[in-house]
Amino acid sequence: MENAALELMDVSKHYTDFTLDHISFQVPRGCIVGLIGENGAGKSTTIHTVLGLTHKDGGTVSLLGETDPDKICRDQIGVVFDGNNYPEMLTPAQLGKVFKNIYHSWDQDRYTKLLEHFRLPINKRLRQFSKGMKMKYAISVAFSHNSRMLILDEATSGLDPVMRDEILDMLLDFIQDEDHSILVSSHITSDLEKIADYIVFLHNGRIVFSKPKDELLDCYGIIKCGGALFDKIDKKEIIAYRKMDYEWQILVENRQAVQKKYPDALVTPATIDEIMLMYVKGEVS
């Protein structure tokens, strides 16, 4: 795909107790792709493989048109991990001088303004920062060297709802010129419902689906019903189901058509959380 900022093709990584199993998906230019899945599904392994931090066992990764990790221009990639990846003994003031020598496109003015905006003390060592402060610091760095692509691993974890919403607005602003792109993994799926263009769902190291977010929210539905109605529903229309104490919960892909076919059923729009839960906890048809 020529207009893809990132493309994974048949990528695999084998561990003793886990396999990332021939995954393929794309991040189109100018888009935000959300990577979801339960803990241990392979999200972080995927991101580490994309960045060349983990050696893949098979497949191809193309990042900003380059398939050799050693040839990727690091100035163009902004990265935020779940946890601090900077020297804890240094202060933001000291680290700014370090980054100036690492990134050719380092923007010290932008860096200083972001630190002020997030109210981060410039002369305080990172080891004295809270988790939320460290996350805001990592975001400040990622936005300070004119990146073309952001790769974020749980970047809004540890932040209060107001700050999370502000970060989401920053991410939306980032892609407005349609040349910037974002891959973001998050367990806060409500955040992805606000900003993502596409959702990639990983489960047990495999991709369950890669779909436009609007298609998921517009088409998927949840039916909550008793056993009699469950028995009437054509099993070909059921993606996954769960038997609860007092009801059946059913995931369907075309809720409007299902509602028309079964007028007695109450079919409600499914959230991304509910879709993921049904695949992980339910019985998949």
Protein backbone atom coordinates (compact mmCIF):
# COMPACT_ATOMS: atom_id res chain seq x y z
CA MET A 1 0.00 0.00 0.00
CA GLU A 2 1.80 3.12 -1.25
CA ASN A 3 0.05 5.54 1.07
CA ALA A 4 0.69 3.47 4.22
CA ALA A 5 2.92 5.01 6.87
CA LEU A 6 3.29 1.56 8.42
CA GLU A 7 2.64 -1.87 6.96
CA LEU A 8 3.12 -5.25 8.60
CA MET A 9 3.01 -8.25 6.28
CA ASP A 10 2.86 -11.77 7.72
CA VAL A 11 4.96 -10.83 10.76
CA SER A 12 5.79 -13.56 13.29
CA LYS A 13 7.70 -13.75 16.55
CA HIS A 14 8.07 -16.96 18.54
CA TYR A 15 8.70 -17.26 22.29
CA THR A 16 8.56 -20.33 24.50
CA ASP A 17 5.09 -19.47 25.79
CA PHE A 18 3.78 -17.05 23.16
CA THR A 19 3.68 -16.60 19.38
CA LEU A 20 2.89 -13.50 17.39
CA ASP A 21 1.29 -15.41 14.55
CA HIS A 22 1.62 -14.03 10.99
CA ILE A 23 -0.03 -10.68 11.59
CA SER A 24 -0.72 -8.17 8.82
CA PHE A 25 -2.21 -4.69 9.03
CA GLN A 26 -1.59 -1.12 7.84
CA VAL A 27 -1.55 2.39 9.23
CA PRO A 28 -2.60 4.68 6.33
CA ARG A 29 -1.03 8.12 6.17
CA GLY A 30 -3.08 10.75 7.93
CA CYS A 31 -4.86 8.16 10.10
CA ILE A 32 -4.93 6.92 13.68
CA VAL A 33 -5.00 3.15 14.15
CA GLY A 34 -5.92 1.75 17.56
CA LEU A 35 -4.40 -1.55 18.65
CA ILE A 36 -6.55 -3.40 21.19
CA GLY A 37 -6.45 -6.71 23.02
CA GLU A 38 -6.27 -8.11 26.52
CA ASN A 39 -2.98 -8.17 28.44
CA GLY A 40 -0.63 -10.67 26.80
CA ALA A 41 -2.40 -10.50 23.43
CA GLY A 42 0.75 -9.28 21.67
CA LYS A 43 0.30 -5.50 21.50
CA SER A 44 3.67 -4.56 23.01
CA THR A 45 5.45 -7.32 21.09
CA THR A 46 3.96 -5.91 17.89
CA ILE A 47 5.14 -2.39 18.71
CA HIS A 48 8.62 -3.56 19.69
CA THR A 49 8.83 -5.50 16.43
CA VAL A 50 7.76 -2.44 14.42
CA LEU A 51 10.51 -0.38 16.06
CA GLY A 52 13.17 -3.05 15.57
CA LEU A 53 13.57 -3.48 19.34
CA THR A 54 12.51 -7.13 18.99
CA HIS A 55 13.87 -9.25 16.17
CA LYS A 56 11.03 -10.77 14.16
CA ASP A 57 11.19 -14.40 13.02
CA GLY A 58 9.34 -13.82 9.76
CA GLY A 59 7.47 -11.32 7.65
CA THR A 60 8.11 -7.73 6.64
CA VAL A 61 7.68 -4.38 8.37
CA SER A 62 7.67 -1.21 6.28
CA LEU A 63 7.89 1.96 8.37
CA LEU A 64 7.71 5.25 6.46
CA GLY A 65 8.73 3.36 3.34
CA GLU A 66 11.79 1.70 4.91
CA THR A 67 12.01 -2.03 5.66
CA ASP A 68 15.49 -1.97 7.27
CA PRO A 69 15.17 -0.85 10.93
CA ASP A 70 18.76 0.47 10.87
CA LYS A 71 17.95 2.85 8.02
CA ILE A 72 14.81 4.40 9.54
CA CYS A 73 15.24 8.09 10.34
CA ARG A 74 14.57 8.17 14.09
CA ASP A 75 13.81 11.90 13.94
CA GLN A 76 10.61 11.00 12.12
CA ILE A 77 9.34 8.54 14.74
CA GLY A 78 7.95 9.69 18.09
CA VAL A 79 7.61 6.89 20.64
CA VAL A 80 5.83 6.73 24.01
CA PHE A 81 5.98 3.54 26.07
CA ASP A 82 3.97 2.54 29.14
CA GLY A 83 6.67 3.45 31.65
CA ASN A 84 9.69 5.72 31.75
CA ASN A 85 12.44 5.02 29.22
CA TYR A 86 14.67 7.97 30.05
CA PRO A 87 17.53 8.23 32.61
CA GLU A 88 15.85 8.77 35.96
CA MET A 89 18.81 10.65 37.42
CA LEU A 90 18.53 13.44 34.85
CA THR A 91 16.21 16.45 34.76
CA PRO A 92 14.18 17.65 31.75
CA ALA A 93 16.66 20.54 31.40
CA GLN A 94 19.58 18.11 31.16
CA LEU A 95 17.72 15.73 28.86
CA GLY A 96 16.85 18.57 26.50
CA LYS A 97 20.56 19.08 25.87
CA VAL A 98 20.95 15.35 25.21
CA PHE A 99 18.06 15.23 22.75
CA LYS A 100 19.44 18.25 20.89
CA ASN A 101 22.43 16.08 19.96
CA ILE A 102 20.32 13.00 19.14
CA TYR A 103 17.56 14.50 17.01
CA HIS A 104 18.57 16.69 14.07
CA SER A 105 15.09 18.22 14.05
CA TRP A 106 14.94 18.87 17.80
CA ASP A 107 12.70 21.86 18.60
CA GLN A 108 13.84 23.27 21.94
CA ASP A 109 11.18 25.99 21.98
CA ARG A 110 8.42 23.44 21.43
CA TYR A 111 9.92 21.23 24.16
CA THR A 112 10.03 24.09 26.66
CA LYS A 113 6.45 25.15 25.89
CA LEU A 114 5.16 21.59 26.34
CA LEU A 115 6.93 21.23 29.68
CA GLU A 116 5.36 24.50 30.80
CA HIS A 117 1.96 23.44 29.44
CA PHE A 118 2.06 20.17 31.36
CA ARG A 119 3.46 21.94 34.44
CA LEU A 120 6.50 19.70 34.57
CA PRO A 121 9.40 21.03 36.68
CA ILE A 122 12.37 21.47 34.38
CA ASN A 123 15.02 21.03 37.10
CA LYS A 124 13.50 18.07 38.94
CA ARG A 125 14.93 14.59 38.38
CA LEU A 126 12.66 12.17 36.56
CA ARG A 127 12.89 9.67 39.42
CA GLN A 128 10.86 12.18 41.47
CA PHE A 129 8.08 12.31 38.86
CA SER A 130 4.82 10.45 39.34
CA LYS A 131 3.72 7.93 36.69
CA GLY A 132 1.38 10.48 35.17
CA MET A 133 4.15 13.11 35.07
CA LYS A 134 6.51 10.65 33.38
CA MET A 135 3.88 9.91 30.76
CA LYS A 136 3.36 13.62 30.08
CA TYR A 137 7.12 14.03 29.83
CA ALA A 138 7.41 11.21 27.26
CA ILE A 139 4.61 12.80 25.23
CA SER A 140 6.43 16.15 25.37
CA VAL A 141 9.58 14.55 23.92
CA ALA A 142 7.64 12.74 21.19
CA PHE A 143 6.09 16.01 20.05
CA SER A 144 9.38 17.96 20.09
CA HIS A 145 11.34 16.55 17.15
CA ASN A 146 8.94 17.01 14.23
CA SER A 147 7.90 13.37 14.02
CA ARG A 148 5.92 12.15 11.02
CA MET A 149 4.65 9.14 12.92
CA LEU A 150 3.79 8.54 16.56
CA ILE A 151 3.84 5.05 18.07
CA LEU A 152 2.22 5.03 21.49
CA ASP A 153 1.96 2.12 23.91
CA GLU A 154 -0.67 2.90 26.57
CA ALA A 155 0.21 6.59 26.35
CA THR A 156 -2.84 7.79 28.29
CA SER A 157 -2.50 5.34 31.19
CA GLY A 158 -1.95 7.03 34.53
CA LEU A 159 -3.54 10.28 33.37
CA ASP A 160 -6.72 11.81 34.79
CA PRO A 161 -9.73 12.13 32.43
CA VAL A 162 -9.16 15.85 31.79
CA MET A 163 -5.52 15.36 30.82
CA ARG A 164 -6.40 12.27 28.76
CA ASP A 165 -8.89 14.31 26.78
CA GLU A 166 -6.28 17.00 26.18
CA ILE A 167 -3.78 14.42 24.90
CA LEU A 168 -6.42 13.00 22.57
CA ASP A 169 -6.98 16.49 21.14
CA MET A 170 -3.21 16.79 20.57
CA LEU A 171 -3.22 13.50 18.67
CA LEU A 172 -6.12 14.62 16.48
CA ASP A 173 -4.33 17.90 15.73
CA PHE A 174 -1.17 15.95 14.85
CA ILE A 175 -2.80 14.15 11.90
CA GLN A 176 -4.65 17.12 10.42
CA ASP A 177 -2.13 17.68 7.60
CA GLU A 178 -2.74 14.07 6.41
CA ASP A 179 1.00 13.31 6.28
CA HIS A 180 1.27 12.41 9.96
CA SER A 181 0.07 9.05 11.31
CA ILE A 182 -0.38 7.34 14.65
CA LEU A 183 -0.37 3.76 15.94
CA VAL A 184 -1.67 3.67 19.50
CA SER A 185 -2.28 0.69 21.75
CA SER A 186 -4.65 1.25 24.64
CA HIS A 187 -6.83 -0.66 27.06
CA ILE A 188 -8.97 2.49 27.41
CA THR A 189 -11.10 1.73 24.38
CA SER A 190 -13.35 4.74 24.96
CA ASP A 191 -10.33 6.88 24.02
CA LEU A 192 -9.99 4.99 20.75
CA GLU A 193 -13.69 5.44 20.04
CA LYS A 194 -13.04 9.20 20.11
CA ILE A 195 -9.95 9.38 17.89
CA ALA A 196 -9.21 6.19 15.94
CA ASP A 197 -9.93 5.73 12.24
CA TYR A 198 -9.23 1.98 12.32
CA ILE A 199 -9.17 -0.69 15.03
CA VAL A 200 -6.85 -3.72 14.98
CA PHE A 201 -7.88 -6.39 17.49
CA LEU A 202 -5.21 -8.84 18.67
CA HIS A 203 -6.09 -11.99 20.62
CA ASN A 204 -3.59 -14.71 21.55
CA GLY A 205 -1.05 -13.34 19.07
CA ARG A 206 -3.43 -13.33 16.12
CA ILE A 207 -5.45 -10.60 14.47
CA VAL A 208 -9.18 -11.12 15.01
CA PHE A 209 -10.07 -8.18 12.78
CA SER A 210 -8.75 -4.95 11.32
CA LYS A 211 -11.71 -2.69 10.54
CA PRO A 212 -12.71 0.96 10.26
CA LYS A 213 -13.84 2.13 13.71
CA ASP A 214 -17.04 3.64 12.35
CA GLU A 215 -17.99 0.30 10.80
CA LEU A 216 -17.64 -1.39 14.18
CA LEU A 217 -19.69 1.21 16.02
CA ASP A 218 -22.32 1.59 13.28
CA CYS A 219 -22.87 -2.08 12.50
CA TYR A 220 -22.10 -4.29 15.50
CA GLY A 221 -24.76 -4.91 18.13
CA ILE A 222 -25.46 -6.76 21.36
CA ILE A 223 -28.64 -8.77 21.99
CA LYS A 224 -29.58 -9.59 25.58
CA CYS A 225 -32.31 -12.21 25.66
CA GLY A 226 -33.69 -15.35 27.20
CA GLY A 227 -33.11 -18.90 26.07
CA ALA A 228 -36.23 -19.08 23.89
CA LEU A 229 -35.16 -16.16 21.68
CA PHE A 230 -31.57 -17.39 21.63
CA ASP A 231 -32.77 -20.70 20.17
CA LYS A 232 -34.71 -18.87 17.41
CA ILE A 233 -31.79 -16.76 16.19
CA ASP A 234 -29.98 -18.14 13.15
CA LYS A 235 -26.54 -19.18 14.41
CA LYS A 236 -25.00 -17.89 11.17
CA GLU A 237 -25.88 -14.38 12.35
CA ILE A 238 -24.09 -14.84 15.69
CA ILE A 239 -20.43 -13.80 15.92
CA ALA A 240 -20.04 -14.71 19.60
CA TYR A 241 -22.25 -15.35 22.61
CA ARG A 242 -22.12 -15.68 26.40
CA LYS A 243 -24.46 -17.48 28.79
CA MET A 244 -24.91 -15.34 31.89
CA ASP A 245 -26.86 -16.18 35.06
CA TYR A 246 -30.19 -14.83 33.81
CA GLU A 247 -29.71 -14.12 30.12
CA TRP A 248 -27.84 -14.75 26.91
CA GLN A 249 -25.61 -12.05 25.43
CA ILE A 250 -25.10 -12.23 21.67
CA LEU A 251 -22.75 -10.26 19.40
CA VAL A 252 -24.05 -9.64 15.87
CA GLU A 253 -22.41 -7.82 12.97
CA ASN A 254 -25.41 -6.23 11.22
CA ARG A 255 -27.64 -5.04 14.03
CA GLN A 256 -30.14 -3.23 11.81
CA ALA A 257 -30.85 -6.34 9.75
CA VAL A 258 -31.01 -8.53 12.84
CA GLN A 259 -33.41 -6.11 14.56
CA LYS A 260 -35.67 -6.18 11.48
CA LYS A 261 -35.59 -9.98 11.31
CA TYR A 262 -36.22 -10.42 15.05
CA PRO A 263 -38.46 -7.50 16.10
CA ASP A 264 -38.91 -8.91 19.60
CA ALA A 265 -35.17 -8.70 20.24
CA LEU A 266 -33.57 -5.67 21.83
CA VAL A 267 -30.44 -4.97 19.77
CA THR A 268 -28.23 -2.21 21.16
CA PRO A 269 -25.08 -0.70 19.61
CA ALA A 270 -21.92 -2.48 20.76
CA THR A 271 -18.99 -0.58 22.21
CA ILE A 272 -15.44 -1.61 21.35
CA ASP A 273 -15.11 -2.87 24.93
CA GLU A 274 -18.17 -5.10 24.49
CA ILE A 275 -16.97 -6.43 21.13
CA MET A 276 -13.58 -7.34 22.57
CA LEU A 277 -15.12 -8.90 25.67
CA MET A 278 -17.44 -11.09 23.62
CA TYR A 279 -14.57 -12.41 21.52
CA VAL A 280 -12.34 -13.04 24.54
CA LYS A 281 -14.88 -14.31 27.10
CA GLY A 282 -17.62 -15.65 24.86
CA GLU A 283 -18.05 -18.62 22.58
CA VAL A 284 -17.11 -17.63 19.02
CA SER A 285 -19.38 -19.05 16.33
